[in-house]
Amino acid sequence: MVNLELYRVFYTVAKCGSLTKAAEELYISQPAVSQAVKQLENQLGGKLFNRTHRGMELSDTGGKQIFGSVEAALKLLTEAETKYSELKNTATGVVRICASDTVSTHFLLRYIKEYHEKYPNVNLILQNGTSAETIELLKNKKGDIGFVNLPVDDKDINLSNTVMRLHDTFVANEKFAELFGKTVDLRLLQDYPLLMLELTTATRQAIINFAHSQGIHLHPEIELASLELMTELAKNGIGIACIPREFVRHELETGELKEIKTNPELPTRAIGLALPKDEELSFAVREFLNLLR
């Protein structure tokens, strides 16, 4: 098959009617243009130009026969290149975001709102799941952006950066007022009704592992899958909730819940941004990432 660039040279020479002008337009030397024309003629097996005192003219039995087809083909290729360039620099299509309900509600919501207002033509798909489920979606190319509990050690995804710090703490309503306004030994909370996330969650695992490192065993009276439900139960005095401070700011500010400070404090955790490995990011995805940064 003939090299496409030879056809580009042929078209430019025909359009300019001169080897010199074609060389200037193509930003190559005149000998290179002349050689390309000869190479194309050899491969096609016929003469494409007549060299006259006026310059280069298409031959009746060669150049004129193919000029229209070459022109149309190059136009289609240019349109395709332009369309592809626009896709790479225009926010269209779909952005699939993978995160837990809690991260979506307490962290992503304002970014999603801002992004949707800026790029209404992009279809945002929110896929809720645990950190492990999010990682699997990214690894199987079923998600474009993921938010996971750190640390994560998985070489099949790209961890970009930390987007949110989480400070796990204990909160309760006035039923547990004897624990407010002072620092209590973390071990003391073993004797109180605790509300915690399910054992399968990264949050619960992190808290239990830390407590065990201190020789403390925190056994919840009620396990839940939802931080929102846990918050409601704590507000109603059912127990002491172990929850990130960032997710109950409103309740702490209004006084519906109060914080129980412990010694030692629970360690700070983080939410990280994860991306599929070796995947070219679309313009739409890059623009969402820019909002986060």
Protein backbone atom coordinates (compact mmCIF):
# COMPACT_ATOMS: atom_id res chain seq x y z
CA MET A 1 0.00 0.00 0.00
CA VAL A 2 1.29 3.48 -0.90
CA ASN A 3 2.49 5.66 1.96
CA LEU A 4 -0.20 8.25 2.74
CA GLU A 5 2.40 11.03 2.93
CA LEU A 6 3.20 10.54 -0.76
CA TYR A 7 -0.41 11.35 -1.58
CA ARG A 8 -0.20 14.46 0.62
CA VAL A 9 2.84 15.62 -1.34
CA PHE A 10 1.10 14.85 -4.64
CA TYR A 11 -1.97 16.84 -3.59
CA THR A 12 0.08 19.81 -2.39
CA VAL A 13 2.15 19.95 -5.58
CA ALA A 14 -1.01 19.78 -7.69
CA LYS A 15 -2.65 22.51 -5.66
CA CYS A 16 0.40 24.80 -5.67
CA GLY A 17 1.49 24.01 -9.24
CA SER A 18 5.10 24.26 -8.13
CA LEU A 19 7.66 22.09 -6.40
CA THR A 20 9.11 25.11 -4.63
CA LYS A 21 5.76 26.35 -3.27
CA ALA A 22 4.78 22.83 -2.25
CA ALA A 23 8.07 22.44 -0.37
CA GLU A 24 7.40 25.69 1.49
CA GLU A 25 3.89 24.62 2.44
CA LEU A 26 5.02 21.18 3.57
CA TYR A 27 8.12 22.51 5.39
CA ILE A 28 10.42 20.10 3.56
CA SER A 29 13.13 20.59 0.91
CA GLN A 30 12.36 20.84 -2.80
CA PRO A 31 14.44 17.72 -3.61
CA ALA A 32 12.40 15.82 -1.03
CA VAL A 33 9.18 16.90 -2.74
CA SER A 34 10.53 15.91 -6.15
CA GLN A 35 11.67 12.54 -4.82
CA ALA A 36 8.27 11.88 -3.25
CA VAL A 37 6.51 12.59 -6.55
CA LYS A 38 8.85 10.22 -8.38
CA GLN A 39 8.35 7.54 -5.75
CA LEU A 40 4.57 7.78 -6.05
CA GLU A 41 4.76 7.65 -9.84
CA ASN A 42 6.94 4.54 -9.63
CA GLN A 43 4.60 2.81 -7.21
CA LEU A 44 1.50 3.62 -9.24
CA GLY A 45 3.24 2.87 -12.53
CA GLY A 46 2.47 6.06 -14.39
CA LYS A 47 3.25 9.73 -14.89
CA LEU A 48 1.33 12.11 -12.63
CA PHE A 49 2.70 15.51 -13.68
CA ASN A 50 3.87 17.32 -16.78
CA ARG A 51 6.75 19.67 -16.05
CA THR A 52 6.20 22.90 -18.04
CA HIS A 53 7.65 26.41 -18.00
CA ARG A 54 4.64 27.39 -15.87
CA GLY A 55 5.36 24.72 -13.28
CA MET A 56 3.83 21.35 -12.47
CA GLU A 57 0.63 20.39 -14.28
CA LEU A 58 -1.40 17.24 -13.73
CA SER A 59 -1.05 14.71 -16.55
CA ASP A 60 -4.22 13.88 -18.44
CA THR A 61 -3.79 10.11 -18.11
CA GLY A 62 -2.55 9.99 -14.52
CA GLY A 63 -2.67 12.99 -12.22
CA LYS A 64 -6.06 14.30 -13.33
CA GLN A 65 -7.55 10.82 -12.97
CA ILE A 66 -6.69 10.44 -9.28
CA PHE A 67 -6.65 14.06 -8.07
CA GLY A 68 -10.35 14.18 -7.12
CA SER A 69 -10.21 10.92 -5.19
CA VAL A 70 -7.01 11.92 -3.35
CA GLU A 71 -8.50 15.31 -2.48
CA ALA A 72 -11.68 13.70 -1.09
CA ALA A 73 -9.71 11.09 0.88
CA LEU A 74 -7.41 13.68 2.46
CA LYS A 75 -10.41 15.83 3.34
CA LEU A 76 -12.02 12.89 5.16
CA LEU A 77 -8.79 12.19 7.04
CA THR A 78 -8.49 15.87 8.04
CA GLU A 79 -12.08 15.84 9.29
CA ALA A 80 -11.36 12.68 11.30
CA GLU A 81 -8.24 14.22 12.83
CA THR A 82 -10.16 17.38 13.70
CA LYS A 83 -12.97 15.41 15.27
CA TYR A 84 -10.53 13.37 17.34
CA SER A 85 -8.74 16.53 18.45
CA GLU A 86 -12.04 18.05 19.50
CA LEU A 87 -12.93 14.95 21.49
CA LYS A 88 -9.61 15.19 23.34
CA ASN A 89 -10.29 18.83 24.17
CA THR A 90 -14.05 18.84 24.69
CA ALA A 91 -15.93 17.53 27.70
CA THR A 92 -18.37 15.01 26.20
CA GLY A 93 -19.23 11.38 26.73
CA VAL A 94 -19.28 9.57 30.07
CA VAL A 95 -17.31 9.88 33.31
CA ARG A 96 -17.70 6.90 35.66
CA ILE A 97 -16.96 7.79 39.29
CA CYS A 98 -16.55 5.01 41.87
CA ALA A 99 -16.89 5.84 45.57
CA SER A 100 -18.74 4.94 48.73
CA ASP A 101 -22.08 6.58 49.53
CA THR A 102 -20.43 8.50 52.35
CA VAL A 103 -17.60 9.91 50.22
CA SER A 104 -20.11 10.83 47.50
CA THR A 105 -22.36 12.65 49.97
CA HIS A 106 -19.80 14.39 52.17
CA PHE A 107 -16.98 15.03 49.70
CA LEU A 108 -17.91 14.63 46.05
CA LEU A 109 -21.32 16.29 46.00
CA ARG A 110 -20.10 19.87 45.55
CA TYR A 111 -17.62 18.85 42.85
CA ILE A 112 -20.27 16.89 40.99
CA LYS A 113 -22.63 19.88 41.12
CA GLU A 114 -19.94 22.29 39.87
CA TYR A 115 -18.84 19.91 37.12
CA HIS A 116 -22.38 19.27 35.90
CA GLU A 117 -23.06 22.99 35.70
CA LYS A 118 -19.85 23.55 33.73
CA TYR A 119 -20.16 20.50 31.45
CA PRO A 120 -23.87 19.58 31.14
CA ASN A 121 -23.20 17.38 28.10
CA VAL A 122 -21.13 14.90 30.10
CA ASN A 123 -23.02 11.93 31.51
CA LEU A 124 -21.83 11.32 35.08
CA ILE A 125 -22.29 7.77 36.35
CA LEU A 126 -21.82 7.28 40.12
CA GLN A 127 -20.99 3.72 41.12
CA ASN A 128 -21.26 3.14 44.86
CA GLY A 129 -19.11 0.54 46.57
CA THR A 130 -16.43 -0.23 49.11
CA SER A 131 -12.77 0.51 48.47
CA ALA A 132 -12.23 -3.11 47.40
CA GLU A 133 -15.16 -2.93 44.96
CA THR A 134 -13.91 0.39 43.60
CA ILE A 135 -10.46 -1.06 42.96
CA GLU A 136 -11.97 -4.00 41.05
CA LEU A 137 -14.01 -1.64 38.86
CA LEU A 138 -10.89 0.35 38.00
CA LYS A 139 -8.82 -2.76 37.29
CA ASN A 140 -11.52 -4.09 34.96
CA LYS A 141 -11.75 -0.73 33.14
CA LYS A 142 -15.33 -0.25 34.36
CA GLY A 143 -14.57 3.00 36.17
CA ASP A 144 -12.69 6.18 35.25
CA ILE A 145 -12.07 7.71 38.70
CA GLY A 146 -12.10 6.00 42.08
CA PHE A 147 -11.93 7.10 45.71
CA VAL A 148 -10.50 4.57 48.17
CA ASN A 149 -9.44 4.32 51.78
CA LEU A 150 -5.67 4.53 52.13
CA PRO A 151 -3.29 2.82 52.35
CA VAL A 152 -3.71 0.70 49.23
CA ASP A 153 -1.03 -1.62 47.88
CA ASP A 154 -2.13 -2.67 44.42
CA LYS A 155 0.17 -2.32 41.42
CA ASP A 156 -2.70 -2.74 38.96
CA ILE A 157 -4.11 0.75 39.63
CA ASN A 158 -2.59 4.23 39.77
CA LEU A 159 -2.87 6.07 43.08
CA SER A 160 -2.77 9.79 42.34
CA ASN A 161 -2.99 11.73 45.60
CA THR A 162 -4.80 12.19 48.90
CA VAL A 163 -8.01 14.15 48.50
CA MET A 164 -9.41 14.08 52.03
CA ARG A 165 -8.18 13.50 55.57
CA LEU A 166 -10.45 11.66 58.00
CA HIS A 167 -10.32 11.94 61.78
CA ASP A 168 -12.23 9.08 63.37
CA THR A 169 -13.74 9.99 66.71
CA PHE A 170 -16.53 9.02 69.11
CA VAL A 171 -19.76 11.00 69.30
CA ALA A 172 -22.95 10.68 71.34
CA ASN A 173 -25.95 12.64 72.58
CA GLU A 174 -26.59 13.96 76.10
CA LYS A 175 -27.36 10.46 77.36
CA PHE A 176 -23.60 10.01 77.70
CA ALA A 177 -22.87 13.47 79.13
CA GLU A 178 -20.54 12.05 81.79
CA LEU A 179 -17.98 11.49 79.01
CA PHE A 180 -18.06 15.05 77.64
CA GLY A 181 -15.62 17.86 78.36
CA LYS A 182 -12.68 15.67 79.30
CA THR A 183 -10.27 13.14 77.85
CA VAL A 184 -11.18 9.57 78.68
CA ASP A 185 -9.10 6.42 78.43
CA LEU A 186 -9.97 4.67 75.16
CA ARG A 187 -10.15 1.43 77.14
CA LEU A 188 -13.12 2.84 79.07
CA LEU A 189 -15.31 2.79 75.97
CA GLN A 190 -15.19 -1.01 75.97
CA ASP A 191 -17.92 -0.85 78.62
CA TYR A 192 -20.29 1.35 76.59
CA PRO A 193 -22.68 0.48 73.74
CA LEU A 194 -20.74 1.23 70.58
CA LEU A 195 -22.04 1.80 67.08
CA MET A 196 -19.58 0.88 64.34
CA LEU A 197 -19.46 0.02 60.67
CA GLU A 198 -19.49 -3.60 59.53
CA LEU A 199 -16.32 -5.63 59.99
CA THR A 200 -15.85 -5.95 56.22
CA THR A 201 -15.26 -2.20 55.76
CA ALA A 202 -11.79 -0.64 55.58
CA THR A 203 -12.87 1.93 58.20
CA ARG A 204 -13.79 -0.70 60.77
CA GLN A 205 -10.65 -2.71 60.04
CA ALA A 206 -8.43 0.33 60.60
CA ILE A 207 -10.07 1.15 63.94
CA ILE A 208 -10.02 -2.44 65.21
CA ASN A 209 -6.38 -2.92 64.21
CA PHE A 210 -5.36 0.24 66.05
CA ALA A 211 -7.33 -0.72 69.15
CA HIS A 212 -5.77 -4.18 69.18
CA SER A 213 -2.31 -2.60 68.94
CA GLN A 214 -3.16 -0.85 72.22
CA GLY A 215 -4.43 -4.04 73.83
CA ILE A 216 -8.02 -2.78 73.62
CA HIS A 217 -10.96 -4.75 72.22
CA LEU A 218 -13.81 -2.59 70.97
CA HIS A 219 -16.89 -4.75 70.39
CA PRO A 220 -19.84 -2.83 68.93
CA GLU A 221 -23.33 -3.45 70.19
CA ILE A 222 -24.69 -2.60 66.75
CA GLU A 223 -22.95 -2.95 63.38
CA LEU A 224 -24.19 -0.91 60.43
CA ALA A 225 -23.50 -0.50 56.72
CA SER A 226 -24.42 3.18 56.69
CA LEU A 227 -22.74 6.11 58.44
CA GLU A 228 -25.94 8.11 58.00
CA LEU A 229 -27.97 5.53 59.94
CA MET A 230 -25.23 5.33 62.57
CA THR A 231 -25.44 9.10 63.02
CA GLU A 232 -29.22 8.94 63.49
CA LEU A 233 -28.92 6.18 66.08
CA ALA A 234 -26.33 8.18 67.99
CA LYS A 235 -28.56 11.27 67.91
CA ASN A 236 -31.33 9.15 69.46
CA GLY A 237 -29.11 7.90 72.29
CA ILE A 238 -28.89 4.28 71.12
CA GLY A 239 -25.13 4.25 71.57
CA ILE A 240 -21.76 5.93 70.98
CA ALA A 241 -20.89 6.18 67.32
CA CYS A 242 -17.36 5.79 65.98
CA ILE A 243 -17.37 8.03 62.94
CA PRO A 244 -15.12 10.49 61.08
CA ARG A 245 -15.45 13.99 62.52
CA GLU A 246 -15.71 15.38 58.98
CA PHE A 247 -19.01 13.53 58.44
CA VAL A 248 -20.80 14.86 61.55
CA ARG A 249 -19.66 18.49 61.49
CA HIS A 250 -23.23 19.76 61.26
CA GLU A 251 -24.41 17.68 64.22
CA LEU A 252 -21.42 18.80 66.31
CA GLU A 253 -22.03 22.45 65.45
CA THR A 254 -25.74 22.27 66.33
CA GLY A 255 -25.09 20.32 69.52
CA GLU A 256 -27.14 17.30 68.46
CA LEU A 257 -23.98 15.29 69.05
CA LYS A 258 -20.95 15.93 71.18
CA GLU A 259 -17.45 14.57 70.76
CA ILE A 260 -15.87 12.22 73.27
CA LYS A 261 -12.12 12.81 73.33
CA THR A 262 -9.99 9.75 74.01
CA ASN A 263 -6.45 8.90 74.96
CA PRO A 264 -5.02 7.71 72.69
CA GLU A 265 -6.86 9.32 69.82
CA LEU A 266 -7.76 7.20 66.83
CA PRO A 267 -5.21 7.66 64.03
CA THR A 268 -5.91 9.93 61.08
CA ARG A 269 -6.96 8.16 57.89
CA ALA A 270 -7.15 9.39 54.30
CA ILE A 271 -9.18 9.02 51.13
CA GLY A 272 -7.06 8.66 48.01
CA LEU A 273 -7.73 9.24 44.34
CA ALA A 274 -7.24 6.13 42.19
CA LEU A 275 -7.18 5.79 38.40
CA PRO A 276 -7.06 2.85 35.97
CA LYS A 277 -3.52 1.84 35.09
CA ASP A 278 -2.13 2.58 31.61
CA GLU A 279 -5.35 4.26 30.52
CA GLU A 280 -5.38 7.48 28.49
CA LEU A 281 -7.60 9.97 30.28
CA SER A 282 -10.29 11.70 28.24
CA PHE A 283 -10.62 15.48 28.36
CA ALA A 284 -13.83 15.07 30.37
CA VAL A 285 -12.02 12.99 33.03
CA ARG A 286 -9.05 15.38 33.14
CA GLU A 287 -11.40 18.30 33.73
CA PHE A 288 -13.03 16.55 36.69
CA LEU A 289 -9.60 15.87 38.16
CA ASN A 290 -8.73 19.54 37.70
CA LEU A 291 -11.70 20.49 39.87
CA LEU A 292 -10.42 18.24 42.66
CA ARG A 293 -6.98 19.82 42.50
